[in-house]
Structure formats: C-alpha cells, structure tokens
Amino acid sequence: MNFQAVNRVTVEITVVLGRTHMPIRQLLKMGRGAVIDLDAKHEDECWVYANNELIARGEIMIVGEKIGVSITRMMSQLQV
C-alpha cells in the first residue's frame, strides 16, 4: 500500500455544538450580532463528524484565541 498517497487525502471535520429550528422569516431578519439559541448546554459534549459520518464526541476547549475539541469518546465507544 502506498502510504504517502494515503497521507495526502484530506477529510472534512465538522463539529456540531447543538441544533435548533426556526421559521425562515426569523432567519431572514437576522443580522450581525444575532444570537441563535441551541438545544445544548455549555457543559454538553459536541458531535464530531468526518465527511458527514459521526466519529466521536468531544468537549469544546479554548486555548488562548483558538477553539478546539478534546475527544472524549470515539464512535466505537458511543451508544448512539
């Protein structure tokens, strides 16, 4: 197997903090500074996806001016 080729493959990582539903008219009224209420609390784990496939759960971390995710459970450990 050519591992150099595999190492060049990129994967899109998406982190979901929470979800909500709202009428389109409310969405269209939003502007800079608008706040969208999510169905999550600040202590809740987030969902981590790779190419739209759930791979892990994690916690949001803030280090200086950067935001990241600390993985708490991999998909094989999840009871989804």
PDB file of N, CA and C in Angstrom:
ATOM      1  N   MET A   1       0.840  -1.179   0.000  1.00  0.00           N
ATOM      2  CA  MET A   1       0.000   0.000   0.000  1.00  0.00           C
ATOM      3  C   MET A   1       0.887   1.245   0.000  1.00  0.00           C
ATOM      4  N   ASN A   2       0.499   2.254  -0.763  1.00  0.00           N
ATOM      5  CA  ASN A   2       1.245   3.499  -0.864  1.00  0.00           C
ATOM      6  C   ASN A   2       0.770   4.465   0.226  1.00  0.00           C
ATOM      7  N   PHE A   3       1.470   4.461   1.362  1.00  0.00           N
ATOM      8  CA  PHE A   3       1.054   5.306   2.488  1.00  0.00           C
ATOM      9  C   PHE A   3       1.279   6.783   2.223  1.00  0.00           C
ATOM     10  N   GLN A   4       2.206   7.131   1.332  1.00  0.00           N
ATOM     11  CA  GLN A   4       2.402   8.544   1.001  1.00  0.00           C
ATOM     12  C   GLN A   4       1.149   9.104   0.344  1.00  0.00           C
ATOM     13  N   ALA A   5       0.517   8.337  -0.516  1.00  0.00           N
ATOM     14  CA  ALA A   5      -0.717   8.789  -1.165  1.00  0.00           C
ATOM     15  C   ALA A   5      -1.845   8.910  -0.146  1.00  0.00           C
ATOM     16  N   VAL A   6      -1.937   7.957   0.757  1.00  0.00           N
ATOM     17  CA  VAL A   6      -2.978   7.995   1.786  1.00  0.00           C
ATOM     18  C   VAL A   6      -2.786   9.214   2.687  1.00  0.00           C
ATOM     19  N   ASN A   7      -1.558   9.549   3.017  1.00  0.00           N
ATOM     20  CA  ASN A   7      -1.278  10.693   3.885  1.00  0.00           C
ATOM     21  C   ASN A   7      -1.690  12.019   3.264  1.00  0.00           C
ATOM     22  N   ARG A   8      -1.872  12.082   1.954  1.00  0.00           N
ATOM     23  CA  ARG A   8      -2.281  13.320   1.282  1.00  0.00           C
ATOM     24  C   ARG A   8      -3.796  13.469   1.183  1.00  0.00           C
ATOM     25  N   VAL A   9      -4.540  12.444   1.540  1.00  0.00           N
ATOM     26  CA  VAL A   9      -6.002  12.504   1.486  1.00  0.00           C
ATOM     27  C   VAL A   9      -6.497  13.427   2.595  1.00  0.00           C
ATOM     28  N   THR A  10      -7.399  14.347   2.242  1.00  0.00           N
ATOM     29  CA  THR A  10      -7.954  15.251   3.249  1.00  0.00           C
ATOM     30  C   THR A  10      -9.362  14.805   3.632  1.00  0.00           C
ATOM     31  N   VAL A  11      -9.727  15.104   4.852  1.00  0.00           N
ATOM     32  CA  VAL A  11     -11.032  14.761   5.395  1.00  0.00           C
ATOM     33  C   VAL A  11     -11.628  16.034   5.980  1.00  0.00           C
ATOM     34  N   GLU A  12     -12.900  16.308   5.682  1.00  0.00           N
ATOM     35  CA  GLU A  12     -13.574  17.466   6.264  1.00  0.00           C
ATOM     36  C   GLU A  12     -14.093  17.096   7.643  1.00  0.00           C
ATOM     37  N   ILE A  13     -13.667  17.850   8.650  1.00  0.00           N
ATOM     38  CA  ILE A  13     -14.118  17.634  10.021  1.00  0.00           C
ATOM     39  C   ILE A  13     -15.162  18.695  10.357  1.00  0.00           C
ATOM     40  N   THR A  14     -16.297  18.258  10.869  1.00  0.00           N
ATOM     41  CA  THR A  14     -17.378  19.151  11.282  1.00  0.00           C
ATOM     42  C   THR A  14     -17.682  18.880  12.746  1.00  0.00           C
ATOM     43  N   VAL A  15     -17.836  19.944  13.521  1.00  0.00           N
ATOM     44  CA  VAL A  15     -18.171  19.818  14.935  1.00  0.00           C
ATOM     45  C   VAL A  15     -19.526  20.476  15.154  1.00  0.00           C
ATOM     46  N   VAL A  16     -20.470  19.719  15.706  1.00  0.00           N
ATOM     47  CA  VAL A  16     -21.824  20.228  15.947  1.00  0.00           C
ATOM     48  C   VAL A  16     -21.988  20.472  17.444  1.00  0.00           C
ATOM     49  N   LEU A  17     -22.285  21.715  17.780  1.00  0.00           N
ATOM     50  CA  LEU A  17     -22.486  22.093  19.183  1.00  0.00           C
ATOM     51  C   LEU A  17     -23.913  21.856  19.629  1.00  0.00           C
ATOM     52  N   GLY A  18     -24.855  22.047  18.727  1.00  0.00           N
ATOM     53  CA  GLY A  18     -26.269  21.895  19.035  1.00  0.00           C
ATOM     54  C   GLY A  18     -27.092  22.200  17.801  1.00  0.00           C
ATOM     55  N   ARG A  19     -28.397  22.093  17.943  1.00  0.00           N
ATOM     56  CA  ARG A  19     -29.303  22.330  16.815  1.00  0.00           C
ATOM     57  C   ARG A  19     -30.491  23.146  17.286  1.00  0.00           C
ATOM     58  N   THR A  20     -31.210  23.707  16.327  1.00  0.00           N
ATOM     59  CA  THR A  20     -32.445  24.411  16.615  1.00  0.00           C
ATOM     60  C   THR A  20     -33.288  24.461  15.354  1.00  0.00           C
ATOM     61  N   HIS A  21     -34.544  24.778  15.506  1.00  0.00           N
ATOM     62  CA  HIS A  21     -35.445  25.010  14.375  1.00  0.00           C
ATOM     63  C   HIS A  21     -36.005  26.411  14.521  1.00  0.00           C
ATOM     64  N   MET A  22     -36.180  27.094  13.394  1.00  0.00           N
ATOM     65  CA  MET A  22     -36.770  28.430  13.429  1.00  0.00           C
ATOM     66  C   MET A  22     -37.454  28.703  12.105  1.00  0.00           C
ATOM     67  N   PRO A  23     -38.441  29.576  12.127  1.00  0.00           N
ATOM     68  CA  PRO A  23     -39.107  29.946  10.876  1.00  0.00           C
ATOM     69  C   PRO A  23     -38.132  30.690   9.961  1.00  0.00           C
ATOM     70  N   ILE A  24     -38.279  30.512   8.673  1.00  0.00           N
ATOM     71  CA  ILE A  24     -37.400  31.164   7.706  1.00  0.00           C
ATOM     72  C   ILE A  24     -37.467  32.682   7.851  1.00  0.00           C
ATOM     73  N   ARG A  25     -38.632  33.221   8.202  1.00  0.00           N
ATOM     74  CA  ARG A  25     -38.750  34.682   8.355  1.00  0.00           C
ATOM     75  C   ARG A  25     -37.840  35.191   9.466  1.00  0.00           C
ATOM     76  N   GLN A  26     -37.683  34.398  10.538  1.00  0.00           N
ATOM     77  CA  GLN A  26     -36.781  34.779  11.628  1.00  0.00           C
ATOM     78  C   GLN A  26     -35.327  34.735  11.156  1.00  0.00           C
ATOM     79  N   LEU A  27     -34.988  33.717  10.394  1.00  0.00           N
ATOM     80  CA  LEU A  27     -33.639  33.592   9.850  1.00  0.00           C
ATOM     81  C   LEU A  27     -33.310  34.768   8.939  1.00  0.00           C
ATOM     82  N   LEU A  28     -34.263  35.161   8.105  1.00  0.00           N
ATOM     83  CA  LEU A  28     -34.039  36.262   7.168  1.00  0.00           C
ATOM     84  C   LEU A  28     -33.880  37.607   7.879  1.00  0.00           C
ATOM     85  N   LYS A  29     -34.436  37.758   9.070  1.00  0.00           N
ATOM     86  CA  LYS A  29     -34.325  39.002   9.836  1.00  0.00           C
ATOM     87  C   LYS A  29     -32.987  39.130  10.565  1.00  0.00           C
ATOM     88  N   MET A  30     -32.258  38.039  10.679  1.00  0.00           N
ATOM     89  CA  MET A  30     -31.019  38.055  11.457  1.00  0.00           C
ATOM     90  C   MET A  30     -29.950  38.903  10.793  1.00  0.00           C
ATOM     91  N   GLY A  31     -29.165  39.500  11.636  1.00  0.00           N
ATOM     92  CA  GLY A  31     -28.040  40.289  11.167  1.00  0.00           C
ATOM     93  C   GLY A  31     -26.863  40.107  12.107  1.00  0.00           C
ATOM     94  N   ARG A  32     -25.861  40.916  11.912  1.00  0.00           N
ATOM     95  CA  ARG A  32     -24.667  40.851  12.752  1.00  0.00           C
ATOM     96  C   ARG A  32     -25.069  40.998  14.221  1.00  0.00           C
ATOM     97  N   GLY A  33     -24.523  40.128  15.055  1.00  0.00           N
ATOM     98  CA  GLY A  33     -24.810  40.171  16.486  1.00  0.00           C
ATOM     99  C   GLY A  33     -26.003  39.337  16.914  1.00  0.00           C
ATOM    100  N   ALA A  34     -26.735  38.775  15.951  1.00  0.00           N
ATOM    101  CA  ALA A  34     -27.887  37.932  16.298  1.00  0.00           C
ATOM    102  C   ALA A  34     -27.400  36.688  17.047  1.00  0.00           C
ATOM    103  N   VAL A  35     -28.192  36.235  17.981  1.00  0.00           N
ATOM    104  CA  VAL A  35     -27.866  35.043  18.762  1.00  0.00           C
ATOM    105  C   VAL A  35     -28.868  33.952  18.426  1.00  0.00           C
ATOM    106  N   ILE A  36     -28.367  32.774  18.118  1.00  0.00           N
ATOM    107  CA  ILE A  36     -29.214  31.620  17.821  1.00  0.00           C
ATOM    108  C   ILE A  36     -29.160  30.687  19.025  1.00  0.00           C
ATOM    109  N   ASP A  37     -30.304  30.473  19.659  1.00  0.00           N
ATOM    110  CA  ASP A  37     -30.379  29.559  20.802  1.00  0.00           C
ATOM    111  C   ASP A  37     -30.330  28.118  20.305  1.00  0.00           C
ATOM    112  N   LEU A  38     -29.442  27.325  20.899  1.00  0.00           N
ATOM    113  CA  LEU A  38     -29.302  25.919  20.537  1.00  0.00           C
ATOM    114  C   LEU A  38     -29.919  25.040  21.618  1.00  0.00           C
ATOM    115  N   ASP A  39     -30.089  23.769  21.285  1.00  0.00           N
ATOM    116  CA  ASP A  39     -30.684  22.812  22.218  1.00  0.00           C
ATOM    117  C   ASP A  39     -29.642  22.182  23.139  1.00  0.00           C
ATOM    118  N   ALA A  40     -28.516  22.852  23.343  1.00  0.00           N
ATOM    119  CA  ALA A  40     -27.429  22.298  24.144  1.00  0.00           C
ATOM    120  C   ALA A  40     -27.063  23.242  25.287  1.00  0.00           C
ATOM    121  N   LYS A  41     -26.509  22.655  26.332  1.00  0.00           N
ATOM    122  CA  LYS A  41     -25.981  23.426  27.452  1.00  0.00           C
ATOM    123  C   LYS A  41     -24.463  23.538  27.283  1.00  0.00           C
ATOM    124  N   HIS A  42     -23.860  24.495  27.971  1.00  0.00           N
ATOM    125  CA  HIS A  42     -22.425  24.704  27.797  1.00  0.00           C
ATOM    126  C   HIS A  42     -21.595  23.496  28.227  1.00  0.00           C
ATOM    127  N   GLU A  43     -22.111  22.663  29.112  1.00  0.00           N
ATOM    128  CA  GLU A  43     -21.342  21.502  29.568  1.00  0.00           C
ATOM    129  C   GLU A  43     -21.585  20.258  28.701  1.00  0.00           C
ATOM    130  N   ASP A  44     -22.490  20.327  27.739  1.00  0.00           N
ATOM    131  CA  ASP A  44     -22.787  19.178  26.876  1.00  0.00           C
ATOM    132  C   ASP A  44     -21.618  18.865  25.945  1.00  0.00           C
ATOM    133  N   GLU A  45     -21.491  17.592  25.607  1.00  0.00           N
ATOM    134  CA  GLU A  45     -20.497  17.194  24.615  1.00  0.00           C
ATOM    135  C   GLU A  45     -20.962  17.624  23.228  1.00  0.00           C
ATOM    136  N   CYS A  46     -20.009  17.824  22.343  1.00  0.00           N
ATOM    137  CA  CYS A  46     -20.329  18.125  20.951  1.00  0.00           C
ATOM    138  C   CYS A  46     -20.166  16.844  20.130  1.00  0.00           C
ATOM    139  N   TRP A  47     -20.671  16.875  18.910  1.00  0.00           N
ATOM    140  CA  TRP A  47     -20.596  15.740  17.996  1.00  0.00           C
ATOM    141  C   TRP A  47     -19.530  16.045  16.954  1.00  0.00           C
ATOM    142  N   VAL A  48     -18.651  15.085  16.683  1.00  0.00           N
ATOM    143  CA  VAL A  48     -17.562  15.271  15.725  1.00  0.00           C
ATOM    144  C   VAL A  48     -17.809  14.350  14.532  1.00  0.00           C
ATOM    145  N   TYR A  49     -17.850  14.946  13.336  1.00  0.00           N
ATOM    146  CA  TYR A  49     -18.091  14.206  12.094  1.00  0.00           C
ATOM    147  C   TYR A  49     -16.875  14.303  11.182  1.00  0.00           C
ATOM    148  N   ALA A  50     -16.582  13.237  10.455  1.00  0.00           N
ATOM    149  CA  ALA A  50     -15.581  13.234   9.390  1.00  0.00           C
ATOM    150  C   ALA A  50     -16.315  12.879   8.110  1.00  0.00           C
ATOM    151  N   ASN A  51     -16.293  13.803   7.148  1.00  0.00           N
ATOM    152  CA  ASN A  51     -17.030  13.609   5.892  1.00  0.00           C
ATOM    153  C   ASN A  51     -18.475  13.181   6.153  1.00  0.00           C
ATOM    154  N   ASN A  52     -19.138  13.882   7.062  1.00  0.00           N
ATOM    155  CA  ASN A  52     -20.553  13.673   7.407  1.00  0.00           C
ATOM    156  C   ASN A  52     -20.846  12.357   8.120  1.00  0.00           C
ATOM    157  N   GLU A  53     -19.825  11.674   8.592  1.00  0.00           N
ATOM    158  CA  GLU A  53     -20.011  10.437   9.363  1.00  0.00           C
ATOM    159  C   GLU A  53     -19.607  10.705  10.805  1.00  0.00           C
ATOM    160  N   LEU A  54     -20.489  10.379  11.750  1.00  0.00           N
ATOM    161  CA  LEU A  54     -20.176  10.572  13.160  1.00  0.00           C
ATOM    162  C   LEU A  54     -18.995   9.701  13.552  1.00  0.00           C
ATOM    163  N   ILE A  55     -17.942  10.316  14.101  1.00  0.00           N
ATOM    164  CA  ILE A  55     -16.762   9.544  14.501  1.00  0.00           C
ATOM    165  C   ILE A  55     -16.460   9.639  15.991  1.00  0.00           C
ATOM    166  N   ALA A  56     -16.966  10.708  16.657  1.00  0.00           N
ATOM    167  CA  ALA A  56     -16.594  10.882  18.060  1.00  0.00           C
ATOM    168  C   ALA A  56     -17.495  11.894  18.748  1.00  0.00           C
ATOM    169  N   ARG A  57     -17.355  11.951  20.065  1.00  0.00           N
ATOM    170  CA  ARG A  57     -17.936  13.015  20.891  1.00  0.00           C
ATOM    171  C   ARG A  57     -16.766  13.749  21.516  1.00  0.00           C
ATOM    172  N   GLY A  58     -16.982  15.001  21.881  1.00  0.00           N
ATOM    173  CA  GLY A  58     -15.877  15.761  22.452  1.00  0.00           C
ATOM    174  C   GLY A  58     -16.345  16.934  23.279  1.00  0.00           C
ATOM    175  N   GLU A  59     -15.378  17.623  23.852  1.00  0.00           N
ATOM    176  CA  GLU A  59     -15.624  18.823  24.642  1.00  0.00           C
ATOM    177  C   GLU A  59     -14.931  19.996  23.969  1.00  0.00           C
ATOM    178  N   ILE A  60     -15.595  21.131  23.927  1.00  0.00           N
ATOM    179  CA  ILE A  60     -15.014  22.333  23.352  1.00  0.00           C
ATOM    180  C   ILE A  60     -13.927  22.846  24.297  1.00  0.00           C
ATOM    181  N   MET A  61     -12.778  23.181  23.733  1.00  0.00           N
ATOM    182  CA  MET A  61     -11.653  23.702  24.502  1.00  0.00           C
ATOM    183  C   MET A  61     -11.281  25.071  23.941  1.00  0.00           C
ATOM    184  N   ILE A  62     -10.968  26.003  24.811  1.00  0.00           N
ATOM    185  CA  ILE A  62     -10.483  27.310  24.382  1.00  0.00           C
ATOM    186  C   ILE A  62      -9.083  27.474  24.948  1.00  0.00           C
ATOM    187  N   VAL A  63      -8.112  27.668  24.047  1.00  0.00           N
ATOM    188  CA  VAL A  63      -6.718  27.850  24.439  1.00  0.00           C
ATOM    189  C   VAL A  63      -6.236  29.139  23.796  1.00  0.00           C
ATOM    190  N   GLY A  64      -6.077  30.163  24.597  1.00  0.00           N
ATOM    191  CA  GLY A  64      -5.714  31.467  24.050  1.00  0.00           C
ATOM    192  C   GLY A  64      -6.842  31.967  23.169  1.00  0.00           C
ATOM    193  N   GLU A  65      -6.525  32.243  21.915  1.00  0.00           N
ATOM    194  CA  GLU A  65      -7.532  32.714  20.965  1.00  0.00           C
ATOM    195  C   GLU A  65      -8.032  31.608  20.046  1.00  0.00           C
ATOM    196  N   LYS A  66      -7.614  30.381  20.295  1.00  0.00           N
ATOM    197  CA  LYS A  66      -8.003  29.245  19.459  1.00  0.00           C
ATOM    198  C   LYS A  66      -9.103  28.437  20.127  1.00  0.00           C
ATOM    199  N   ILE A  67      -9.954  27.849  19.300  1.00  0.00           N
ATOM    200  CA  ILE A  67     -11.006  26.949  19.771  1.00  0.00           C
ATOM    201  C   ILE A  67     -10.716  25.570  19.198  1.00  0.00           C
ATOM    202  N   GLY A  68     -10.846  24.547  20.014  1.00  0.00           N
ATOM    203  CA  GLY A  68     -10.614  23.191  19.557  1.00  0.00           C
ATOM    204  C   GLY A  68     -11.577  22.229  20.220  1.00  0.00           C
ATOM    205  N   VAL A  69     -11.378  20.956  19.946  1.00  0.00           N
ATOM    206  CA  VAL A  69     -12.215  19.904  20.515  1.00  0.00           C
ATOM    207  C   VAL A  69     -11.306  18.855  21.138  1.00  0.00           C
ATOM    208  N   SER A  70     -11.587  18.522  22.381  1.00  0.00           N
ATOM    209  CA  SER A  70     -10.908  17.427  23.050  1.00  0.00           C
ATOM    210  C   SER A  70     -11.805  16.198  22.921  1.00  0.00           C
ATOM    211  N   ILE A  71     -11.326  15.170  22.241  1.00  0.00           N
ATOM    212  CA  ILE A  71     -12.120  13.963  22.012  1.00  0.00           C
ATOM    213  C   ILE A  71     -12.306  13.228  23.338  1.00  0.00           C
ATOM    214  N   THR A  72     -13.557  12.926  23.666  1.00  0.00           N
ATOM    215  CA  THR A  72     -13.862  12.206  24.902  1.00  0.00           C
ATOM    216  C   THR A  72     -14.243  10.751  24.647  1.00  0.00           C
ATOM    217  N   ARG A  73     -14.861  10.484  23.502  1.00  0.00           N
ATOM    218  CA  ARG A  73     -15.269   9.116  23.153  1.00  0.00           C
ATOM    219  C   ARG A  73     -15.223   8.947  21.643  1.00  0.00           C
ATOM    220  N   MET A  74     -14.658   7.840  21.195  1.00  0.00           N
ATOM    221  CA  MET A  74     -14.661   7.526  19.770  1.00  0.00           C
ATOM    222  C   MET A  74     -15.945   6.780  19.423  1.00  0.00           C
ATOM    223  N   MET A  75     -16.290   6.761  18.158  1.00  0.00           N
ATOM    224  CA  MET A  75     -17.546   6.166  17.693  1.00  0.00           C
ATOM    225  C   MET A  75     -17.726   4.740  18.197  1.00  0.00           C
ATOM    226  N   SER A  76     -16.653   3.965  18.241  1.00  0.00           N
ATOM    227  CA  SER A  76     -16.768   2.573  18.690  1.00  0.00           C
ATOM    228  C   SER A  76     -17.214   2.484  20.146  1.00  0.00           C
ATOM    229  N   GLN A  77     -17.060   3.591  20.910  1.00  0.00           N
ATOM    230  CA  GLN A  77     -17.452   3.610  22.315  1.00  0.00           C
ATOM    231  C   GLN A  77     -18.822   4.244  22.522  1.00  0.00           C
ATOM    232  N   LEU A  78     -19.408   4.799  21.459  1.00  0.00           N
ATOM    233  CA  LEU A  78     -20.663   5.536  21.585  1.00  0.00           C
ATOM    234  C   LEU A  78     -21.867   4.611  21.541  1.00  0.00           C
ATOM    235  N   GLN A  79     -22.880   4.960  22.285  1.00  0.00           N
ATOM    236  CA  GLN A  79     -24.173   4.293  22.221  1.00  0.00           C
ATOM    237  C   GLN A  79     -25.133   5.276  21.575  1.00  0.00           C
ATOM    238  N   VAL A  80     -25.084   5.424  20.252  1.00  0.00           N
ATOM    239  CA  VAL A  80     -25.882   6.430  19.538  1.00  0.00           C
ATOM    240  C   VAL A  80     -27.279   5.914  19.312  1.00  0.00           C
TER     241      VAL A  80
END
